[in-house]
């Protein structure tokens, strides 16, 4: 958690430092926690939506974004899954701004 400015518990701090660094993005993308969550999400999608990639993409959007995927998004995600696999798509979804930030 040092990449995310984890405060030192031995000292009091009236205000927490806030920084944004490239290491934070790399940690979110490549940390074992993110990889495990992406693999778990991919397993859930396969279990709940079957083997159809379009159904898996739609289920992922419902679970992660609380909305339906557009036809354009489904098409792009299908191509991505064909090249890189469902777990990689899940890792991308978990790192999107729509997933990370509340709007």
Protein backbone atom coordinates (compact mmCIF):
# COMPACT_ATOMS: atom_id res chain seq x y z
CA UNK A 1 0.00 0.00 0.00
CA UNK A 2 3.00 2.31 0.02
CA UNK A 3 2.22 3.27 -3.58
CA UNK A 4 -1.09 4.71 -2.33
CA UNK A 5 0.36 6.87 0.44
CA UNK A 6 -0.52 4.55 3.29
CA UNK A 7 -0.07 6.61 6.43
CA UNK A 8 2.44 5.55 9.06
CA UNK A 9 0.39 4.26 12.00
CA UNK A 10 3.01 5.31 14.54
CA UNK A 11 2.50 9.03 13.93
CA UNK A 12 -0.61 11.14 13.97
CA UNK A 13 -1.32 13.02 10.78
CA UNK A 14 -4.02 15.69 10.65
CA UNK A 15 -4.02 15.57 6.87
CA UNK A 16 -3.15 12.70 4.58
CA UNK A 17 -0.91 13.38 1.57
CA UNK A 18 -2.56 12.78 -1.78
CA UNK A 19 -0.43 11.95 -4.79
CA UNK A 20 -0.91 10.31 -8.13
CA UNK A 21 2.01 8.39 -9.58
CA UNK A 22 2.58 5.92 -12.43
CA UNK A 23 3.34 3.25 -9.83
CA UNK A 24 -0.25 3.47 -8.57
CA UNK A 25 -1.63 2.66 -12.01
CA UNK A 26 0.85 -0.18 -12.49
CA UNK A 27 -0.02 -1.58 -9.07
CA UNK A 28 -3.74 -1.49 -9.83
CA UNK A 29 -3.14 -3.27 -13.13
CA UNK A 30 -0.56 -5.87 -12.12
CA UNK A 31 -0.86 -6.53 -8.38
CA UNK A 32 -1.68 -10.09 -7.37
CA UNK A 33 -4.89 -8.88 -5.69
CA UNK A 34 -6.14 -7.41 -8.98
CA UNK A 35 -5.13 -10.53 -10.91
CA UNK A 36 -6.97 -12.74 -8.41
CA UNK A 37 -10.10 -10.57 -8.52
CA UNK A 38 -10.05 -10.59 -12.33
CA UNK A 39 -9.72 -14.39 -12.42
CA UNK A 40 -12.54 -14.76 -9.89
CA UNK A 41 -14.77 -12.41 -11.88
CA UNK A 42 -14.03 -14.36 -15.08
CA UNK A 43 -15.00 -17.62 -13.36
CA UNK A 44 -18.23 -16.04 -12.14
CA UNK A 45 -19.07 -14.77 -15.62
CA UNK A 46 -18.53 -18.22 -17.10
CA UNK A 47 -20.69 -19.78 -14.41
CA UNK A 48 -23.52 -17.25 -14.68
CA UNK A 49 -23.46 -16.42 -18.42
CA UNK A 50 -22.21 -19.66 -19.96
CA UNK A 51 -19.72 -19.89 -22.82
CA UNK A 52 -21.15 -17.10 -25.00
CA UNK A 53 -18.75 -14.16 -24.91
CA UNK A 54 -21.51 -11.63 -25.60
CA UNK A 55 -23.49 -12.86 -22.62
CA UNK A 56 -20.34 -12.77 -20.47
CA UNK A 57 -19.64 -9.18 -21.50
CA UNK A 58 -23.22 -8.12 -20.77
CA UNK A 59 -23.09 -9.81 -17.35
CA UNK A 60 -19.76 -8.12 -16.58
CA UNK A 61 -21.22 -4.72 -17.42
CA UNK A 62 -24.28 -5.39 -15.28
CA UNK A 63 -22.14 -6.48 -12.31
CA UNK A 64 -19.44 -3.83 -12.57
CA UNK A 65 -21.19 -0.80 -14.04
CA UNK A 66 -24.85 -1.48 -13.20
CA UNK A 67 -25.80 -0.91 -16.81
CA UNK A 68 -26.10 -2.77 -20.09
CA UNK A 69 -23.19 -2.82 -22.51
CA UNK A 70 -23.70 -1.04 -25.82
CA UNK A 71 -23.37 -3.00 -29.06
CA UNK A 72 -20.09 -1.19 -29.74
CA UNK A 73 -18.74 -2.14 -26.31
CA UNK A 74 -19.78 -5.78 -26.76
CA UNK A 75 -18.03 -5.89 -30.14
CA UNK A 76 -14.83 -4.37 -28.79
CA UNK A 77 -14.87 -6.67 -25.77
CA UNK A 78 -15.43 -9.74 -27.98
CA UNK A 79 -12.34 -8.87 -29.99
CA UNK A 80 -10.36 -8.32 -26.80
CA UNK A 81 -11.47 -11.66 -25.32
CA UNK A 82 -10.57 -13.45 -28.57
CA UNK A 83 -7.04 -12.05 -28.38
CA UNK A 84 -6.33 -12.00 -24.65
CA UNK A 85 -8.95 -14.04 -22.78
CA UNK A 86 -11.80 -13.30 -20.42
CA UNK A 87 -9.62 -12.82 -17.32
CA UNK A 88 -7.68 -10.07 -19.12
CA UNK A 89 -10.93 -8.31 -20.01
CA UNK A 90 -12.00 -8.52 -16.38
CA UNK A 91 -8.69 -6.95 -15.34
CA UNK A 92 -9.33 -4.08 -17.78
CA UNK A 93 -12.86 -3.58 -16.48
CA UNK A 94 -11.65 -3.50 -12.88
CA UNK A 95 -9.23 -0.72 -13.82
CA UNK A 96 -11.57 1.56 -15.76
CA UNK A 97 -12.49 4.99 -14.46
CA UNK A 98 -16.16 3.99 -14.54
CA UNK A 99 -15.39 1.21 -12.07
CA UNK A 100 -12.96 3.08 -9.81
CA UNK A 101 -14.63 6.49 -9.46
CA UNK A 102 -18.14 7.28 -8.27
CA UNK A 103 -19.79 9.81 -10.56
